[in-house]
Amino acid sequence: MATSCTATTPDGHELWAQQSGDPGGSPVLLVMGAASSSAVWPPGLVERLGRRHRVIVWDHRDTGRSSTSAGREPYALTDLAADAVVVLDAFGVPAAHVVGMSMGGLLTQLLLLDHPERLLSTTLFCTGPLPGAEAPGDAAPAPAPELLALWAQLGEERDESAEMDFRLRHWRLLNGHGMPFDEAEFRALEGRVVAHGGRMDASSATAHARAGTSGLARGAELRDVRTPVLVVEAPQDPACPPPCAQLLEAAIGDASTTRRVVVPGMGHALPAAVVGPLLDAVEAHLDAVDGTDG
């Protein structure tokens, strides 16, 4: 049975959060990417993890049912990372497995550095290392040009029909070329996002793009991480293309607790076709850390 709560940050933002699944299982905190509420997590992914884990999701500031930043002091991406601790505290969870996608992967890396005692393990995918991790000549590649061109239009005004078309074009690009694009699946996803508390306009799309980026250049510190880390490589990811995952794996210092797996065909999205292989890898990682055989 799912239960929800509202957690309040030190600077007064209200974060909608929900837990579901097995209350006796080890906790798993899911950290979504930029401008995305918890409704972007596929229900099937949450349900499967919940068979043996206590699954916690929340809406970032300026998404879903959490408060907006209108009229408030600007916040930084580092504040979004600190929000994860606020959510864990709200549910009385001392430590959890943390799974971060895209921007959520960067936030999870900050948690690795600042709150290692709150993390049982981490899983990172569709992301690269924090700035400052790269050796000379090893800078992460830029997103695909066609994706950058679309992102330049994020803040433009559109009516609801045009906004839905824009979002579907965005998902088509993010999906990559390794998996068929099911327009109906992603149209249903956007319907779920709006029903959860989103708006069919561009208001939430640029909020995180405006967040401050100071305090992110800490990639060199990843070499001291000792928390078990799984890096999932998405070979068709146009936003964080290869070798982002390899660079992330190399940046994390302890090879004995860090491993990388590849989900063939995966892009920067979670269509049904990749959820199964992704969860196979994630659950094997969680079982190894928990000392269970699944």
Protein backbone atom coordinates (compact mmCIF):
# COMPACT_ATOMS: atom_id res chain seq x y z
CA MET A 1 0.00 0.00 0.00
CA ALA A 2 1.39 3.40 -0.99
CA THR A 3 1.58 6.22 1.54
CA SER A 4 2.50 9.80 0.78
CA CYS A 5 3.72 12.76 2.79
CA THR A 6 4.93 16.31 2.36
CA ALA A 7 8.50 17.00 3.46
CA THR A 8 9.64 20.58 4.05
CA THR A 9 13.15 21.71 3.15
CA PRO A 10 15.16 24.12 5.31
CA ASP A 11 14.45 26.91 2.81
CA GLY A 12 10.71 26.29 2.87
CA HIS A 13 10.03 24.19 -0.21
CA GLU A 14 7.39 21.49 0.17
CA LEU A 15 8.27 18.16 -1.44
CA TRP A 16 5.61 15.59 -2.24
CA ALA A 17 6.95 12.07 -1.59
CA GLN A 18 5.55 8.57 -1.59
CA GLN A 19 6.62 5.15 -0.38
CA SER A 20 5.27 1.81 -1.58
CA GLY A 21 6.19 -1.84 -1.83
CA ASP A 22 7.45 -4.21 0.86
CA PRO A 23 7.73 -2.28 4.15
CA GLY A 24 10.17 -4.90 5.42
CA GLY A 25 12.45 -4.75 2.40
CA SER A 26 15.57 -2.64 2.13
CA PRO A 27 14.69 0.94 1.08
CA VAL A 28 15.28 2.11 -2.49
CA LEU A 29 15.17 5.84 -3.26
CA LEU A 30 14.53 6.72 -6.93
CA VAL A 31 15.99 10.06 -8.07
CA MET A 32 14.52 11.31 -11.35
CA GLY A 33 16.11 13.67 -13.87
CA ALA A 34 15.67 17.36 -14.63
CA ALA A 35 12.19 18.87 -15.00
CA SER A 36 10.68 15.45 -14.31
CA SER A 37 8.32 14.47 -11.52
CA SER A 38 8.14 11.05 -9.93
CA ALA A 39 5.38 10.19 -12.43
CA VAL A 40 8.05 9.68 -15.10
CA TRP A 41 9.17 6.48 -13.36
CA PRO A 42 7.35 3.65 -15.14
CA PRO A 43 4.73 2.11 -12.83
CA GLY A 44 6.00 -1.34 -13.77
CA LEU A 45 9.49 -0.45 -12.58
CA VAL A 46 8.22 0.81 -9.23
CA GLU A 47 5.92 -2.19 -8.82
CA ARG A 48 8.64 -4.75 -9.56
CA LEU A 49 11.14 -3.14 -7.20
CA GLY A 50 8.42 -2.99 -4.58
CA ARG A 51 8.01 -6.77 -4.52
CA ARG A 52 11.09 -7.02 -2.30
CA HIS A 53 11.94 -3.41 -1.44
CA ARG A 54 10.47 -0.34 0.19
CA VAL A 55 10.42 2.08 -2.75
CA ILE A 56 10.50 5.85 -2.21
CA VAL A 57 9.92 8.46 -4.91
CA TRP A 58 9.42 12.21 -4.75
CA ASP A 59 8.72 15.21 -6.93
CA HIS A 60 11.64 17.59 -7.32
CA ARG A 61 10.97 21.23 -6.64
CA ASP A 62 9.03 22.78 -9.54
CA THR A 63 7.60 19.43 -10.64
CA GLY A 64 4.48 17.41 -9.90
CA ARG A 65 2.89 18.09 -6.53
CA SER A 66 5.89 19.79 -4.94
CA SER A 67 6.03 23.55 -4.50
CA THR A 68 7.18 25.93 -7.18
CA SER A 69 9.99 28.44 -6.97
CA ALA A 70 7.81 31.39 -7.98
CA GLY A 71 8.65 34.38 -5.78
CA ARG A 72 11.38 32.53 -3.89
CA GLU A 73 15.13 32.91 -3.77
CA PRO A 74 16.88 30.99 -6.56
CA TYR A 75 18.08 27.52 -5.62
CA ALA A 76 21.00 25.43 -6.82
CA LEU A 77 21.27 21.87 -8.08
CA THR A 78 23.10 21.09 -4.86
CA ASP A 79 19.87 21.98 -3.04
CA LEU A 80 18.07 19.31 -5.07
CA ALA A 81 20.61 16.77 -3.84
CA ALA A 82 20.06 17.85 -0.23
CA ASP A 83 16.32 17.40 -0.79
CA ALA A 84 16.91 13.64 -1.06
CA VAL A 85 18.06 13.59 2.57
CA VAL A 86 14.98 15.57 3.59
CA VAL A 87 12.81 12.90 1.94
CA LEU A 88 14.64 10.04 3.66
CA ASP A 89 14.24 11.81 6.99
CA ALA A 90 10.53 12.31 6.37
CA PHE A 91 10.06 8.55 6.11
CA GLY A 92 12.45 7.75 8.95
CA VAL A 93 14.93 5.97 6.67
CA PRO A 94 18.52 6.03 7.98
CA ALA A 95 20.05 4.67 4.75
CA ALA A 96 18.80 3.53 1.35
CA HIS A 97 19.88 2.18 -1.99
CA VAL A 98 19.79 5.23 -4.27
CA VAL A 99 19.04 4.95 -7.99
CA GLY A 100 19.68 8.09 -10.04
CA MET A 101 18.84 8.79 -13.69
CA SER A 102 20.22 11.69 -15.74
CA MET A 103 20.36 14.79 -13.49
CA GLY A 104 19.33 12.39 -10.73
CA GLY A 105 22.63 10.61 -11.33
CA LEU A 106 24.55 13.84 -10.73
CA LEU A 107 22.55 14.47 -7.55
CA THR A 108 23.29 10.93 -6.40
CA GLN A 109 27.01 11.53 -6.90
CA LEU A 110 26.74 14.54 -4.59
CA LEU A 111 25.06 12.30 -2.03
CA LEU A 112 27.96 9.85 -2.38
CA LEU A 113 30.35 12.66 -1.45
CA ASP A 114 28.35 14.46 1.24
CA HIS A 115 26.18 11.77 2.84
CA PRO A 116 27.80 8.36 2.29
CA GLU A 117 26.35 7.15 5.58
CA ARG A 118 22.84 7.51 4.11
CA LEU A 119 23.56 5.29 1.09
CA LEU A 120 23.55 1.48 1.11
CA SER A 121 24.49 1.50 -2.57
CA THR A 122 24.04 3.59 -5.69
CA THR A 123 22.96 2.88 -9.24
CA LEU A 124 23.73 5.53 -11.86
CA PHE A 125 22.50 5.60 -15.44
CA CYS A 126 22.03 8.03 -18.31
CA THR A 127 24.58 10.30 -16.66
CA GLY A 128 28.27 11.13 -16.59
CA PRO A 129 30.69 12.10 -13.83
CA LEU A 130 30.51 15.37 -11.98
CA PRO A 131 32.68 18.10 -13.53
CA GLY A 132 36.31 17.92 -12.52
CA ALA A 133 36.63 14.15 -12.83
CA GLU A 134 38.07 14.13 -16.32
CA ALA A 135 41.70 13.58 -17.10
CA PRO A 136 43.09 15.79 -19.88
CA GLY A 137 41.56 14.68 -23.16
CA ASP A 138 38.79 12.72 -21.46
CA ALA A 139 36.02 15.31 -21.40
CA ALA A 140 32.52 13.90 -21.68
CA PRO A 141 30.97 14.25 -25.15
CA ALA A 142 28.25 16.80 -25.81
CA PRO A 143 24.62 15.78 -26.34
CA ALA A 144 23.49 15.12 -29.90
CA PRO A 145 23.13 18.34 -31.96
CA GLU A 146 19.48 17.68 -32.77
CA LEU A 147 18.74 17.33 -29.05
CA LEU A 148 20.51 20.58 -28.25
CA ALA A 149 18.49 22.30 -30.96
CA LEU A 150 15.25 21.04 -29.42
CA TRP A 151 16.31 22.07 -25.91
CA ALA A 152 16.77 25.63 -27.21
CA GLN A 153 12.99 25.68 -27.76
CA LEU A 154 12.01 24.43 -24.28
CA GLY A 155 10.84 27.80 -22.97
CA GLU A 156 8.73 28.78 -25.97
CA GLU A 157 4.99 29.24 -25.50
CA ARG A 158 2.76 26.59 -27.10
CA ASP A 159 -0.86 25.59 -26.80
CA GLU A 160 -1.63 22.22 -25.24
CA SER A 161 -1.71 20.33 -28.52
CA ALA A 162 1.58 21.81 -29.71
CA GLU A 163 3.12 21.18 -26.29
CA MET A 164 2.19 17.50 -26.44
CA ASP A 165 3.66 17.25 -29.94
CA PHE A 166 6.84 18.92 -28.70
CA ARG A 167 7.14 16.53 -25.76
CA LEU A 168 6.67 13.52 -28.02
CA ARG A 169 9.39 14.80 -30.38
CA HIS A 170 11.60 15.21 -27.34
CA TRP A 171 10.96 11.64 -26.16
CA ARG A 172 11.55 10.30 -29.67
CA LEU A 173 15.02 11.86 -29.67
CA LEU A 174 15.77 10.78 -26.09
CA ASN A 175 14.69 7.22 -26.84
CA GLY A 176 17.57 6.90 -29.31
CA HIS A 177 17.77 4.51 -32.23
CA GLY A 178 18.32 1.27 -30.35
CA MET A 179 14.68 0.63 -29.47
CA PRO A 180 11.47 1.17 -31.48
CA PHE A 181 9.67 4.33 -30.44
CA ASP A 182 6.12 3.64 -29.24
CA GLU A 183 4.35 6.99 -29.47
CA ALA A 184 1.30 5.70 -27.60
CA GLU A 185 3.48 4.63 -24.67
CA PHE A 186 5.05 8.06 -24.32
CA ARG A 187 1.75 9.87 -24.88
CA ALA A 188 0.41 7.84 -21.95
CA LEU A 189 3.48 8.80 -19.92
CA GLU A 190 2.79 12.49 -20.49
CA GLY A 191 -0.85 11.96 -19.60
CA ARG A 192 0.31 10.37 -16.34
CA VAL A 193 2.60 13.34 -15.65
CA VAL A 194 -0.19 15.87 -16.17
CA ALA A 195 -2.68 13.85 -14.11
CA HIS A 196 -0.15 13.64 -11.27
CA GLY A 197 0.17 17.40 -11.04
CA GLY A 198 2.01 18.65 -14.08
CA ARG A 199 0.92 21.27 -16.56
CA MET A 200 0.67 20.99 -20.30
CA ASP A 201 2.88 24.01 -20.89
CA ALA A 202 6.57 24.83 -20.71
CA SER A 203 6.55 26.24 -17.15
CA SER A 204 8.36 23.33 -15.50
CA ALA A 205 10.68 22.50 -18.38
CA THR A 206 13.21 25.26 -17.72
CA ALA A 207 13.06 25.56 -13.92
CA HIS A 208 15.98 23.23 -13.29
CA ALA A 209 17.92 24.71 -16.20
CA ARG A 210 17.82 28.00 -14.28
CA ALA A 211 19.11 26.43 -11.06
CA GLY A 212 22.57 27.42 -9.90
CA THR A 213 25.46 25.14 -10.81
CA SER A 214 28.01 26.23 -8.23
CA GLY A 215 29.37 23.41 -6.11
CA LEU A 216 29.16 20.75 -8.82
CA ALA A 217 32.83 20.63 -9.86
CA ARG A 218 33.73 17.87 -7.42
CA GLY A 219 34.38 14.99 -9.77
CA ALA A 220 37.93 14.52 -8.52
CA GLU A 221 36.51 13.56 -5.10
CA LEU A 222 34.76 10.52 -6.58
CA ARG A 223 38.04 8.60 -6.40
CA ASP A 224 37.51 8.35 -2.63
CA VAL A 225 34.03 6.77 -2.88
CA ARG A 226 33.74 3.39 -1.15
CA THR A 227 29.97 2.89 -1.41
CA PRO A 228 29.01 0.07 -3.81
CA VAL A 229 28.22 1.63 -7.21
CA LEU A 230 26.58 0.18 -10.29
CA VAL A 231 27.02 2.18 -13.50
CA VAL A 232 24.53 1.24 -16.21
CA GLU A 233 25.64 2.13 -19.72
CA ALA A 234 22.98 3.21 -22.22
CA PRO A 235 24.76 2.82 -25.57
CA GLN A 236 22.11 4.73 -27.57
CA ASP A 237 21.82 7.66 -25.15
CA PRO A 238 21.85 10.94 -27.14
CA ALA A 239 22.00 13.15 -24.02
CA CYS A 240 24.89 11.39 -22.24
CA PRO A 241 26.43 9.41 -25.10
CA PRO A 242 29.29 6.93 -24.77
CA PRO A 243 31.81 7.04 -23.29
CA CYS A 244 30.02 8.90 -20.44
CA ALA A 245 29.40 5.68 -18.50
CA GLN A 246 33.00 4.54 -18.92
CA LEU A 247 34.25 7.93 -17.73
CA LEU A 248 31.98 7.71 -14.70
CA GLU A 249 33.21 4.22 -13.86
CA ALA A 250 36.82 5.37 -14.18
CA ALA A 251 36.22 8.42 -11.98
CA ILE A 252 35.03 6.30 -9.04
CA GLY A 253 38.12 5.09 -7.30
CA ASP A 254 37.40 1.69 -5.77
CA ALA A 255 37.24 -0.91 -8.53
CA SER A 256 36.33 -3.58 -5.97
CA THR A 257 32.96 -1.93 -5.29
CA THR A 258 32.21 -0.40 -8.71
CA ARG A 259 31.01 -2.22 -11.78
CA ARG A 260 29.48 -1.31 -15.13
CA VAL A 261 26.87 -3.18 -17.12
CA VAL A 262 25.44 -2.41 -20.55
CA VAL A 263 21.72 -2.49 -21.38
CA PRO A 264 21.71 -3.03 -25.16
CA GLY A 265 19.67 -0.52 -27.12
CA MET A 266 18.97 1.73 -24.16
CA GLY A 267 18.72 5.47 -24.76
CA HIS A 268 17.84 8.34 -22.42
CA ALA A 269 14.34 7.05 -21.67
CA LEU A 270 12.61 4.14 -19.95
CA PRO A 271 10.34 2.42 -22.47
CA ALA A 272 8.93 -0.95 -21.44
CA ALA A 273 11.48 -2.72 -23.62
CA VAL A 274 14.42 -1.61 -21.44
CA VAL A 275 12.80 -1.77 -18.00
CA GLY A 276 13.23 -5.53 -17.69
CA PRO A 277 16.94 -5.68 -18.56
CA LEU A 278 17.62 -2.57 -16.49
CA LEU A 279 15.93 -4.03 -13.42
CA ASP A 280 17.70 -7.35 -13.88
CA ALA A 281 20.98 -5.48 -13.43
CA VAL A 282 19.71 -3.23 -10.62
CA GLU A 283 18.18 -6.05 -8.60
CA ALA A 284 21.32 -8.19 -8.91
CA HIS A 285 23.28 -5.21 -7.55
CA LEU A 286 20.88 -4.66 -4.65
CA ASP A 287 20.86 -8.38 -3.80
CA ALA A 288 24.66 -8.49 -3.72
CA VAL A 289 24.79 -5.52 -1.34
CA ASP A 290 21.95 -6.83 0.83
CA GLY A 291 23.51 -10.30 0.94
CA THR A 292 20.43 -12.00 -0.50
CA ASP A 293 20.02 -14.34 -3.46
CA GLY A 294 16.85 -12.72 -4.77
